[in-house]
Amino acid sequence: MGDEMKNYAAFIRNRITELRLKKDVSEYQMSLDIGKNRNYIQGISAGKSLPSMEAFINICDYCGITPMMFFDDENDYPQLVHQALFEMRDLGEEDLKMLIGLIRRLHKK
């Protein structure tokens, strides 16, 4: 396994552990909650395996984040961002422009 793949695998393991700890659940409980055997998350955390695409999606859903948010490890509020994005989906162009202006203004403070 090349260094890039090792780094990728380590990121996946660490991020799943981080999200699991934020949710305050055990590896055992998370494994069962996503419909896997009781040692599934422990195997990922130990570096024995990586999740399949389906399991990855289930892990994201379980943690209340999108796959994009999974890779954005600097975001401290993934559920709030996800909710904001969901709420913005039905806004018109003018409202979205106004919202973007407000966000830019808040960033300047």
PDB file of N, CA and C in Angstrom:
ATOM      1  N   MET A   1       0.854  -1.172   0.000  1.00  0.00           N
ATOM      2  CA  MET A   1       0.000   0.000   0.000  1.00  0.00           C
ATOM      3  C   MET A   1       0.898   1.232   0.000  1.00  0.00           C
ATOM      4  N   GLY A   2       0.656   2.164  -0.922  1.00  0.00           N
ATOM      5  CA  GLY A   2       1.441   3.379  -1.019  1.00  0.00           C
ATOM      6  C   GLY A   2       1.154   4.333   0.130  1.00  0.00           C
ATOM      7  N   ASP A   3       2.047   5.325   0.273  1.00  0.00           N
ATOM      8  CA  ASP A   3       1.887   6.294   1.362  1.00  0.00           C
ATOM      9  C   ASP A   3       0.578   7.065   1.266  1.00  0.00           C
ATOM     10  N   GLU A   4       0.187   7.434   0.059  1.00  0.00           N
ATOM     11  CA  GLU A   4      -1.057   8.189  -0.108  1.00  0.00           C
ATOM     12  C   GLU A   4      -2.250   7.365   0.358  1.00  0.00           C
ATOM     13  N   MET A   5      -2.268   6.094  -0.008  1.00  0.00           N
ATOM     14  CA  MET A   5      -3.367   5.216   0.411  1.00  0.00           C
ATOM     15  C   MET A   5      -3.341   5.010   1.922  1.00  0.00           C
ATOM     16  N   LYS A   6      -2.165   4.895   2.510  1.00  0.00           N
ATOM     17  CA  LYS A   6      -2.057   4.751   3.968  1.00  0.00           C
ATOM     18  C   LYS A   6      -2.593   5.992   4.663  1.00  0.00           C
ATOM     19  N   ASN A   7      -2.268   7.155   4.123  1.00  0.00           N
ATOM     20  CA  ASN A   7      -2.771   8.407   4.705  1.00  0.00           C
ATOM     21  C   ASN A   7      -4.289   8.493   4.591  1.00  0.00           C
ATOM     22  N   TYR A   8      -4.809   8.075   3.449  1.00  0.00           N
ATOM     23  CA  TYR A   8      -6.252   8.069   3.229  1.00  0.00           C
ATOM     24  C   TYR A   8      -6.930   7.140   4.225  1.00  0.00           C
ATOM     25  N   ALA A   9      -6.395   5.938   4.367  1.00  0.00           N
ATOM     26  CA  ALA A   9      -6.974   4.956   5.288  1.00  0.00           C
ATOM     27  C   ALA A   9      -6.926   5.466   6.725  1.00  0.00           C
ATOM     28  N   ALA A  10      -5.814   6.084   7.102  1.00  0.00           N
ATOM     29  CA  ALA A  10      -5.684   6.627   8.454  1.00  0.00           C
ATOM     30  C   ALA A  10      -6.697   7.748   8.681  1.00  0.00           C
ATOM     31  N   PHE A  11      -6.890   8.598   7.678  1.00  0.00           N
ATOM     32  CA  PHE A  11      -7.870   9.673   7.808  1.00  0.00           C
ATOM     33  C   PHE A  11      -9.267   9.097   8.032  1.00  0.00           C
ATOM     34  N   ILE A  12      -9.640   8.092   7.243  1.00  0.00           N
ATOM     35  CA  ILE A  12     -10.962   7.465   7.363  1.00  0.00           C
ATOM     36  C   ILE A  12     -11.135   6.904   8.778  1.00  0.00           C
ATOM     37  N   ARG A  13     -10.150   6.149   9.246  1.00  0.00           N
ATOM     38  CA  ARG A  13     -10.228   5.561  10.593  1.00  0.00           C
ATOM     39  C   ARG A  13     -10.380   6.636  11.653  1.00  0.00           C
ATOM     40  N   ASN A  14      -9.527   7.647  11.585  1.00  0.00           N
ATOM     41  CA  ASN A  14      -9.537   8.700  12.598  1.00  0.00           C
ATOM     42  C   ASN A  14     -10.827   9.511  12.567  1.00  0.00           C
ATOM     43  N   ARG A  15     -11.334   9.777  11.371  1.00  0.00           N
ATOM     44  CA  ARG A  15     -12.544  10.579  11.246  1.00  0.00           C
ATOM     45  C   ARG A  15     -13.756   9.811  11.785  1.00  0.00           C
ATOM     46  N   ILE A  16     -13.829   8.526  11.484  1.00  0.00           N
ATOM     47  CA  ILE A  16     -14.935   7.720  12.015  1.00  0.00           C
ATOM     48  C   ILE A  16     -14.861   7.695  13.539  1.00  0.00           C
ATOM     49  N   THR A  17     -13.670   7.538  14.080  1.00  0.00           N
ATOM     50  CA  THR A  17     -13.503   7.542  15.537  1.00  0.00           C
ATOM     51  C   THR A  17     -13.926   8.889  16.121  1.00  0.00           C
ATOM     52  N   GLU A  18     -13.498   9.976  15.491  1.00  0.00           N
ATOM     53  CA  GLU A  18     -13.867  11.318  15.954  1.00  0.00           C
ATOM     54  C   GLU A  18     -15.371  11.504  15.964  1.00  0.00           C
ATOM     55  N   LEU A  19     -16.030  11.133  14.883  1.00  0.00           N
ATOM     56  CA  LEU A  19     -17.480  11.286  14.789  1.00  0.00           C
ATOM     57  C   LEU A  19     -18.202  10.394  15.789  1.00  0.00           C
ATOM     58  N   ARG A  20     -17.686   9.195  15.972  1.00  0.00           N
ATOM     59  CA  ARG A  20     -18.287   8.259  16.936  1.00  0.00           C
ATOM     60  C   ARG A  20     -18.184   8.819  18.356  1.00  0.00           C
ATOM     61  N   LEU A  21     -17.023   9.371  18.691  1.00  0.00           N
ATOM     62  CA  LEU A  21     -16.842   9.938  20.025  1.00  0.00           C
ATOM     63  C   LEU A  21     -17.729  11.161  20.238  1.00  0.00           C
ATOM     64  N   LYS A  22     -17.899  11.986  19.197  1.00  0.00           N
ATOM     65  CA  LYS A  22     -18.800  13.139  19.300  1.00  0.00           C
ATOM     66  C   LYS A  22     -20.230  12.681  19.553  1.00  0.00           C
ATOM     67  N   LYS A  23     -20.583  11.552  18.983  1.00  0.00           N
ATOM     68  CA  LYS A  23     -21.930  10.997  19.160  1.00  0.00           C
ATOM     69  C   LYS A  23     -22.037  10.252  20.490  1.00  0.00           C
ATOM     70  N   ASP A  24     -20.892  10.007  21.116  1.00  0.00           N
ATOM     71  CA  ASP A  24     -20.808   9.334  22.414  1.00  0.00           C
ATOM     72  C   ASP A  24     -21.401   7.927  22.378  1.00  0.00           C
ATOM     73  N   VAL A  25     -20.959   7.149  21.380  1.00  0.00           N
ATOM     74  CA  VAL A  25     -21.365   5.748  21.287  1.00  0.00           C
ATOM     75  C   VAL A  25     -20.117   4.876  21.173  1.00  0.00           C
ATOM     76  N   SER A  26     -20.244   3.649  21.598  1.00  0.00           N
ATOM     77  CA  SER A  26     -19.138   2.703  21.521  1.00  0.00           C
ATOM     78  C   SER A  26     -18.994   2.165  20.094  1.00  0.00           C
ATOM     79  N   GLU A  27     -17.843   1.571  19.799  1.00  0.00           N
ATOM     80  CA  GLU A  27     -17.649   0.927  18.503  1.00  0.00           C
ATOM     81  C   GLU A  27     -18.696  -0.168  18.318  1.00  0.00           C
ATOM     82  N   TYR A  28     -18.906  -0.928  19.383  1.00  0.00           N
ATOM     83  CA  TYR A  28     -19.876  -2.013  19.381  1.00  0.00           C
ATOM     84  C   TYR A  28     -21.275  -1.493  19.025  1.00  0.00           C
ATOM     85  N   GLN A  29     -21.722  -0.443  19.725  1.00  0.00           N
ATOM     86  CA  GLN A  29     -23.072   0.098  19.502  1.00  0.00           C
ATOM     87  C   GLN A  29     -23.212   0.688  18.103  1.00  0.00           C
ATOM     88  N   MET A  30     -22.198   1.415  17.648  1.00  0.00           N
ATOM     89  CA  MET A  30     -22.259   1.998  16.313  1.00  0.00           C
ATOM     90  C   MET A  30     -22.353   0.903  15.259  1.00  0.00           C
ATOM     91  N   SER A  31     -21.578  -0.159  15.427  1.00  0.00           N
ATOM     92  CA  SER A  31     -21.616  -1.286  14.487  1.00  0.00           C
ATOM     93  C   SER A  31     -23.023  -1.847  14.373  1.00  0.00           C
ATOM     94  N   LEU A  32     -23.640  -2.092  15.515  1.00  0.00           N
ATOM     95  CA  LEU A  32     -25.000  -2.648  15.515  1.00  0.00           C
ATOM     96  C   LEU A  32     -26.005  -1.659  14.943  1.00  0.00           C
ATOM     97  N   ASP A  33     -25.847  -0.377  15.292  1.00  0.00           N
ATOM     98  CA  ASP A  33     -26.794   0.641  14.830  1.00  0.00           C
ATOM     99  C   ASP A  33     -26.782   0.813  13.313  1.00  0.00           C
ATOM    100  N   ILE A  34     -25.638   0.557  12.671  1.00  0.00           N
ATOM    101  CA  ILE A  34     -25.585   0.684  11.208  1.00  0.00           C
ATOM    102  C   ILE A  34     -25.828  -0.655  10.510  1.00  0.00           C
ATOM    103  N   GLY A  35     -26.209  -1.658  11.299  1.00  0.00           N
ATOM    104  CA  GLY A  35     -26.593  -2.947  10.728  1.00  0.00           C
ATOM    105  C   GLY A  35     -25.438  -3.881  10.408  1.00  0.00           C
ATOM    106  N   LYS A  36     -24.333  -3.700  11.094  1.00  0.00           N
ATOM    107  CA  LYS A  36     -23.157  -4.552  10.872  1.00  0.00           C
ATOM    108  C   LYS A  36     -22.924  -5.433  12.089  1.00  0.00           C
ATOM    109  N   ASN A  37     -21.964  -6.365  11.973  1.00  0.00           N
ATOM    110  CA  ASN A  37     -21.646  -7.199  13.127  1.00  0.00           C
ATOM    111  C   ASN A  37     -20.976  -6.344  14.208  1.00  0.00           C
ATOM    112  N   ARG A  38     -20.969  -6.829  15.410  1.00  0.00           N
ATOM    113  CA  ARG A  38     -20.545  -6.024  16.570  1.00  0.00           C
ATOM    114  C   ARG A  38     -19.105  -5.562  16.519  1.00  0.00           C
ATOM    115  N   ASN A  39     -18.267  -6.191  15.724  1.00  0.00           N
ATOM    116  CA  ASN A  39     -16.849  -5.824  15.651  1.00  0.00           C
ATOM    117  C   ASN A  39     -16.502  -4.999  14.411  1.00  0.00           C
ATOM    118  N   TYR A  40     -17.510  -4.604  13.651  1.00  0.00           N
ATOM    119  CA  TYR A  40     -17.265  -3.930  12.373  1.00  0.00           C
ATOM    120  C   TYR A  40     -16.479  -2.633  12.536  1.00  0.00           C
ATOM    121  N   ILE A  41     -16.937  -1.715  13.375  1.00  0.00           N
ATOM    122  CA  ILE A  41     -16.265  -0.432  13.547  1.00  0.00           C
ATOM    123  C   ILE A  41     -14.902  -0.636  14.203  1.00  0.00           C
ATOM    124  N   GLN A  42     -14.794  -1.587  15.110  1.00  0.00           N
ATOM    125  CA  GLN A  42     -13.502  -1.879  15.744  1.00  0.00           C
ATOM    126  C   GLN A  42     -12.486  -2.313  14.685  1.00  0.00           C
ATOM    127  N   GLY A  43     -12.910  -3.094  13.703  1.00  0.00           N
ATOM    128  CA  GLY A  43     -12.031  -3.526  12.624  1.00  0.00           C
ATOM    129  C   GLY A  43     -11.529  -2.356  11.787  1.00  0.00           C
ATOM    130  N   ILE A  44     -12.409  -1.390  11.549  1.00  0.00           N
ATOM    131  CA  ILE A  44     -12.014  -0.186  10.809  1.00  0.00           C
ATOM    132  C   ILE A  44     -11.038   0.628  11.653  1.00  0.00           C
ATOM    133  N   SER A  45     -11.376   0.833  12.921  1.00  0.00           N
ATOM    134  CA  SER A  45     -10.520   1.626  13.819  1.00  0.00           C
ATOM    135  C   SER A  45      -9.139   1.011  13.985  1.00  0.00           C
ATOM    136  N   ALA A  46      -9.080  -0.311  13.962  1.00  0.00           N
ATOM    137  CA  ALA A  46      -7.805  -1.013  14.127  1.00  0.00           C
ATOM    138  C   ALA A  46      -7.005  -1.095  12.829  1.00  0.00           C
ATOM    139  N   GLY A  47      -7.565  -0.608  11.738  1.00  0.00           N
ATOM    140  CA  GLY A  47      -6.852  -0.631  10.468  1.00  0.00           C
ATOM    141  C   GLY A  47      -6.930  -1.951   9.728  1.00  0.00           C
ATOM    142  N   LYS A  48      -7.853  -2.810  10.119  1.00  0.00           N
ATOM    143  CA  LYS A  48      -8.000  -4.108   9.464  1.00  0.00           C
ATOM    144  C   LYS A  48      -8.829  -4.025   8.188  1.00  0.00           C
ATOM    145  N   SER A  49      -9.671  -3.001   8.102  1.00  0.00           N
ATOM    146  CA  SER A  49     -10.533  -2.869   6.925  1.00  0.00           C
ATOM    147  C   SER A  49     -10.945  -1.422   6.759  1.00  0.00           C
ATOM    148  N   LEU A  50     -11.551  -1.149   5.623  1.00  0.00           N
ATOM    149  CA  LEU A  50     -12.170   0.152   5.345  1.00  0.00           C
ATOM    150  C   LEU A  50     -13.635  -0.112   5.019  1.00  0.00           C
ATOM    151  N   PRO A  51     -14.502   0.855   5.260  1.00  0.00           N
ATOM    152  CA  PRO A  51     -15.916   0.618   4.955  1.00  0.00           C
ATOM    153  C   PRO A  51     -16.169   0.562   3.450  1.00  0.00           C
ATOM    154  N   SER A  52     -17.146  -0.239   3.080  1.00  0.00           N
ATOM    155  CA  SER A  52     -17.605  -0.231   1.692  1.00  0.00           C
ATOM    156  C   SER A  52     -18.297   1.104   1.443  1.00  0.00           C
ATOM    157  N   MET A  53     -18.609   1.397   0.204  1.00  0.00           N
ATOM    158  CA  MET A  53     -19.302   2.643  -0.111  1.00  0.00           C
ATOM    159  C   MET A  53     -20.662   2.685   0.597  1.00  0.00           C
ATOM    160  N   GLU A  54     -21.384   1.581   0.588  1.00  0.00           N
ATOM    161  CA  GLU A  54     -22.682   1.533   1.259  1.00  0.00           C
ATOM    162  C   GLU A  54     -22.530   1.763   2.760  1.00  0.00           C
ATOM    163  N   ALA A  55     -21.543   1.123   3.373  1.00  0.00           N
ATOM    164  CA  ALA A  55     -21.313   1.308   4.808  1.00  0.00           C
ATOM    165  C   ALA A  55     -20.876   2.739   5.098  1.00  0.00           C
ATOM    166  N   PHE A  56     -20.065   3.307   4.219  1.00  0.00           N
ATOM    167  CA  PHE A  56     -19.626   4.700   4.394  1.00  0.00           C
ATOM    168  C   PHE A  56     -20.825   5.642   4.410  1.00  0.00           C
ATOM    169  N   ILE A  57     -21.749   5.456   3.478  1.00  0.00           N
ATOM    170  CA  ILE A  57     -22.962   6.274   3.419  1.00  0.00           C
ATOM    171  C   ILE A  57     -23.781   6.080   4.696  1.00  0.00           C
ATOM    172  N   ASN A  58     -23.895   4.841   5.148  1.00  0.00           N
ATOM    173  CA  ASN A  58     -24.631   4.562   6.387  1.00  0.00           C
ATOM    174  C   ASN A  58     -23.966   5.216   7.594  1.00  0.00           C
ATOM    175  N   ILE A  59     -22.651   5.216   7.639  1.00  0.00           N
ATOM    176  CA  ILE A  59     -21.920   5.857   8.734  1.00  0.00           C
ATOM    177  C   ILE A  59     -22.176   7.362   8.718  1.00  0.00           C
ATOM    178  N   CYS A  60     -22.103   7.952   7.545  1.00  0.00           N
ATOM    179  CA  CYS A  60     -22.384   9.395   7.432  1.00  0.00           C
ATOM    180  C   CYS A  60     -23.790   9.706   7.896  1.00  0.00           C
ATOM    181  N   ASP A  61     -24.749   8.940   7.431  1.00  0.00           N
ATOM    182  CA  ASP A  61     -26.151   9.144   7.813  1.00  0.00           C
ATOM    183  C   ASP A  61     -26.310   8.986   9.322  1.00  0.00           C
ATOM    184  N   TYR A  62     -25.708   7.974   9.878  1.00  0.00           N
ATOM    185  CA  TYR A  62     -25.769   7.717  11.324  1.00  0.00           C
ATOM    186  C   TYR A  62     -25.214   8.900  12.121  1.00  0.00           C
ATOM    187  N   CYS A  63     -24.166   9.523  11.595  1.00  0.00           N
ATOM    188  CA  CYS A  63     -23.534  10.654  12.278  1.00  0.00           C
ATOM    189  C   CYS A  63     -24.208  11.986  11.946  1.00  0.00           C
ATOM    190  N   GLY A  64     -25.205  11.958  11.067  1.00  0.00           N
ATOM    191  CA  GLY A  64     -25.947  13.160  10.724  1.00  0.00           C
ATOM    192  C   GLY A  64     -25.182  14.117   9.831  1.00  0.00           C
ATOM    193  N   ILE A  65     -24.327  13.569   8.965  1.00  0.00           N
ATOM    194  CA  ILE A  65     -23.536  14.396   8.068  1.00  0.00           C
ATOM    195  C   ILE A  65     -23.631  13.858   6.649  1.00  0.00           C
ATOM    196  N   THR A  66     -23.228  14.688   5.694  1.00  0.00           N
ATOM    197  CA  THR A  66     -23.141  14.245   4.304  1.00  0.00           C
ATOM    198  C   THR A  66     -21.739  13.688   4.066  1.00  0.00           C
ATOM    199  N   PRO A  67     -21.549  12.917   3.001  1.00  0.00           N
ATOM    200  CA  PRO A  67     -20.196  12.455   2.690  1.00  0.00           C
ATOM    201  C   PRO A  67     -19.209  13.615   2.521  1.00  0.00           C
ATOM    202  N   MET A  68     -19.673  14.717   1.946  1.00  0.00           N
ATOM    203  CA  MET A  68     -18.796  15.881   1.795  1.00  0.00           C
ATOM    204  C   MET A  68     -18.344  16.401   3.166  1.00  0.00           C
ATOM    205  N   MET A  69     -19.262  16.436   4.104  1.00  0.00           N
ATOM    206  CA  MET A  69     -18.921  16.894   5.446  1.00  0.00           C
ATOM    207  C   MET A  69     -17.939  15.944   6.139  1.00  0.00           C
ATOM    208  N   PHE A  70     -18.016  14.672   5.793  1.00  0.00           N
ATOM    209  CA  PHE A  70     -17.097  13.692   6.381  1.00  0.00           C
ATOM    210  C   PHE A  70     -15.654  14.105   6.126  1.00  0.00           C
ATOM    211  N   PHE A  71     -15.400  14.586   4.917  1.00  0.00           N
ATOM    212  CA  PHE A  71     -14.038  14.953   4.553  1.00  0.00           C
ATOM    213  C   PHE A  71     -13.680  16.382   4.957  1.00  0.00           C
ATOM    214  N   ASP A  72     -14.648  17.133   5.453  1.00  0.00           N
ATOM    215  CA  ASP A  72     -14.407  18.482   5.946  1.00  0.00           C
ATOM    216  C   ASP A  72     -14.245  18.408   7.459  1.00  0.00           C
ATOM    217  N   ASP A  73     -13.079  17.947   7.911  1.00  0.00           N
ATOM    218  CA  ASP A  73     -12.878  17.713   9.336  1.00  0.00           C
ATOM    219  C   ASP A  73     -12.668  18.985  10.140  1.00  0.00           C
ATOM    220  N   GLU A  74     -12.652  20.141   9.490  1.00  0.00           N
ATOM    221  CA  GLU A  74     -12.500  21.396  10.216  1.00  0.00           C
ATOM    222  C   GLU A  74     -13.854  21.980  10.612  1.00  0.00           C
ATOM    223  N   ASN A  75     -14.913  21.368  10.189  1.00  0.00           N
ATOM    224  CA  ASN A  75     -16.257  21.868  10.461  1.00  0.00           C
ATOM    225  C   ASN A  75     -16.722  21.351  11.815  1.00  0.00           C
ATOM    226  N   ASP A  76     -16.915  22.264  12.767  1.00  0.00           N
ATOM    227  CA  ASP A  76     -17.339  21.876  14.106  1.00  0.00           C
ATOM    228  C   ASP A  76     -18.833  21.672  14.238  1.00  0.00           C
ATOM    229  N   TYR A  77     -19.615  22.074  13.242  1.00  0.00           N
ATOM    230  CA  TYR A  77     -21.065  22.019  13.339  1.00  0.00           C
ATOM    231  C   TYR A  77     -21.691  21.321  12.139  1.00  0.00           C
ATOM    232  N   PRO A  78     -21.310  20.077  11.858  1.00  0.00           N
ATOM    233  CA  PRO A  78     -21.801  19.432  10.632  1.00  0.00           C
ATOM    234  C   PRO A  78     -23.317  19.306  10.574  1.00  0.00           C
ATOM    235  N   GLN A  79     -23.981  19.047  11.675  1.00  0.00           N
ATOM    236  CA  GLN A  79     -25.432  18.885  11.630  1.00  0.00           C
ATOM    237  C   GLN A  79     -26.117  20.218  11.342  1.00  0.00           C
ATOM    238  N   LEU A  80     -25.590  21.312  11.910  1.00  0.00           N
ATOM    239  CA  LEU A  80     -26.184  22.624  11.648  1.00  0.00           C
ATOM    240  C   LEU A  80     -25.973  23.043  10.198  1.00  0.00           C
ATOM    241  N   VAL A  81     -24.801  22.765   9.653  1.00  0.00           N
ATOM    242  CA  VAL A  81     -24.526  23.096   8.253  1.00  0.00           C
ATOM    243  C   VAL A  81     -25.439  22.275   7.347  1.00  0.00           C
ATOM    244  N   HIS A  82     -25.585  21.014   7.667  1.00  0.00           N
ATOM    245  CA  HIS A  82     -26.458  20.142   6.880  1.00  0.00           C
ATOM    246  C   HIS A  82     -27.900  20.672   6.913  1.00  0.00           C
ATOM    247  N   GLN A  83     -28.366  21.081   8.085  1.00  0.00           N
ATOM    248  CA  GLN A  83     -29.716  21.621   8.202  1.00  0.00           C
ATOM    249  C   GLN A  83     -29.857  22.913   7.403  1.00  0.00           C
ATOM    250  N   ALA A  84     -28.831  23.788   7.471  1.00  0.00           N
ATOM    251  CA  ALA A  84     -28.882  25.048   6.721  1.00  0.00           C
ATOM    252  C   ALA A  84     -28.943  24.770   5.221  1.00  0.00           C
ATOM    253  N   LEU A  85     -28.126  23.839   4.745  1.00  0.00           N
ATOM    254  CA  LEU A  85     -28.144  23.490   3.326  1.00  0.00           C
ATOM    255  C   LEU A  85     -29.508  22.940   2.918  1.00  0.00           C
ATOM    256  N   PHE A  86     -30.084  22.109   3.766  1.00  0.00           N
ATOM    257  CA  PHE A  86     -31.400  21.550   3.477  1.00  0.00           C
ATOM    258  C   PHE A  86     -32.448  22.661   3.365  1.00  0.00           C
ATOM    259  N   GLU A  87     -32.403  23.609   4.294  1.00  0.00           N
ATOM    260  CA  GLU A  87     -33.365  24.708   4.296  1.00  0.00           C
ATOM    261  C   GLU A  87     -33.187  25.627   3.087  1.00  0.00           C
ATOM    262  N   MET A  88     -31.971  25.767   2.588  1.00  0.00           N
ATOM    263  CA  MET A  88     -31.694  26.673   1.467  1.00  0.00           C
ATOM    264  C   MET A  88     -32.092  26.098   0.122  1.00  0.00           C
ATOM    265  N   ARG A  89     -32.345  24.820   0.053  1.00  0.00           N
ATOM    266  CA  ARG A  89     -32.633  24.178  -1.234  1.00  0.00           C
ATOM    267  C   ARG A  89     -33.813  24.787  -1.972  1.00  0.00           C
ATOM    268  N   ASP A  90     -34.791  25.261  -1.257  1.00  0.00           N
ATOM    269  CA  ASP A  90     -36.010  25.775  -1.897  1.00  0.00           C
ATOM    270  C   ASP A  90     -36.025  27.290  -2.053  1.00  0.00           C
ATOM    271  N   LEU A  91     -34.932  27.959  -1.659  1.00  0.00           N
ATOM    272  CA  LEU A  91     -34.886  29.416  -1.790  1.00  0.00           C
ATOM    273  C   LEU A  91     -34.688  29.814  -3.248  1.00  0.00           C
ATOM    274  N   GLY A  92     -35.247  30.962  -3.609  1.00  0.00           N
ATOM    275  CA  GLY A  92     -35.057  31.495  -4.950  1.00  0.00           C
ATOM    276  C   GLY A  92     -33.689  32.146  -5.086  1.00  0.00           C
ATOM    277  N   GLU A  93     -33.345  32.504  -6.302  1.00  0.00           N
ATOM    278  CA  GLU A  93     -32.034  33.082  -6.595  1.00  0.00           C
ATOM    279  C   GLU A  93     -31.781  34.365  -5.799  1.00  0.00           C
ATOM    280  N   GLU A  94     -32.766  35.235  -5.745  1.00  0.00           N
ATOM    281  CA  GLU A  94     -32.583  36.511  -5.023  1.00  0.00           C
ATOM    282  C   GLU A  94     -32.352  36.283  -3.536  1.00  0.00           C
ATOM    283  N   ASP A  95     -33.104  35.356  -2.956  1.00  0.00           N
ATOM    284  CA  ASP A  95     -32.924  35.057  -1.535  1.00  0.00           C
ATOM    285  C   ASP A  95     -31.549  34.442  -1.272  1.00  0.00           C
ATOM    286  N   LEU A  96     -31.113  33.578  -2.176  1.00  0.00           N
ATOM    287  CA  LEU A  96     -29.778  32.977  -2.026  1.00  0.00           C
ATOM    288  C   LEU A  96     -28.683  34.038  -2.109  1.00  0.00           C
ATOM    289  N   LYS A  97     -28.830  34.981  -3.029  1.00  0.00           N
ATOM    290  CA  LYS A  97     -27.849  36.067  -3.154  1.00  0.00           C
ATOM    291  C   LYS A  97     -27.819  36.907  -1.880  1.00  0.00           C
ATOM    292  N   MET A  98     -28.991  37.183  -1.331  1.00  0.00           N
ATOM    293  CA  MET A  98     -29.066  37.963  -0.099  1.00  0.00           C
ATOM    294  C   MET A  98     -28.403  37.187   1.055  1.00  0.00           C
ATOM    295  N   LEU A  99     -28.645  35.892   1.120  1.00  0.00           N
ATOM    296  CA  LEU A  99     -28.056  35.055   2.156  1.00  0.00           C
ATOM    297  C   LEU A  99     -26.532  35.005   2.026  1.00  0.00           C
ATOM    298  N   ILE A 100     -26.041  34.882   0.814  1.00  0.00           N
ATOM    299  CA  ILE A 100     -24.590  34.881   0.580  1.00  0.00           C
ATOM    300  C   ILE A 100     -23.991  36.207   1.012  1.00  0.00           C
ATOM    301  N   GLY A 101     -24.673  37.301   0.713  1.00  0.00           N
ATOM    302  CA  GLY A 101     -24.204  38.615   1.155  1.00  0.00           C
ATOM    303  C   GLY A 101     -24.130  38.706   2.667  1.00  0.00           C
ATOM    304  N   LEU A 102     -25.131  38.177   3.345  1.00  0.00           N
ATOM    305  CA  LEU A 102     -25.143  38.183   4.806  1.00  0.00           C
ATOM    306  C   LEU A 102     -23.982  37.350   5.361  1.00  0.00           C
ATOM    307  N   ILE A 103     -23.759  36.191   4.785  1.00  0.00           N
ATOM    308  CA  ILE A 103     -22.656  35.335   5.232  1.00  0.00           C
ATOM    309  C   ILE A 103     -21.318  36.042   5.051  1.00  0.00           C
ATOM    310  N   ARG A 104     -21.128  36.666   3.906  1.00  0.00           N
ATOM    311  CA  ARG A 104     -19.875  37.404   3.660  1.00  0.00           C
ATOM    312  C   ARG A 104     -19.706  38.539   4.668  1.00  0.00           C
ATOM    313  N   ARG A 105     -20.800  39.223   4.966  1.00  0.00           N
ATOM    314  CA  ARG A 105     -20.752  40.318   5.937  1.00  0.00           C
ATOM    315  C   ARG A 105     -20.381  39.818   7.319  1.00  0.00           C
ATOM    316  N   LEU A 106     -20.932  38.659   7.719  1.00  0.00           N
ATOM    317  CA  LEU A 106     -20.623  38.082   9.016  1.00  0.00           C
ATOM    318  C   LEU A 106     -19.166  37.633   9.103  1.00  0.00           C
ATOM    319  N   HIS A 107     -18.611  37.185   7.997  1.00  0.00           N
ATOM    320  CA  HIS A 107     -17.198  36.765   7.969  1.00  0.00           C
ATOM    321  C   HIS A 107     -16.261  37.940   8.213  1.00  0.00           C
ATOM    322  N   LYS A 108     -16.665  39.137   7.840  1.00  0.00           N
ATOM    323  CA  LYS A 108     -15.823  40.310   7.994  1.00  0.00           C
ATOM    324  C   LYS A 108     -15.730  40.776   9.434  1.00  0.00           C
ATOM    325  N   LYS A 109     -16.673  40.379  10.261  1.00  0.00           N
ATOM    326  CA  LYS A 109     -16.694  40.827  11.663  1.00  0.00           C
ATOM    327  C   LYS A 109     -15.618  40.164  12.473  1.00  0.00           C
TER     328      LYS A 109
END
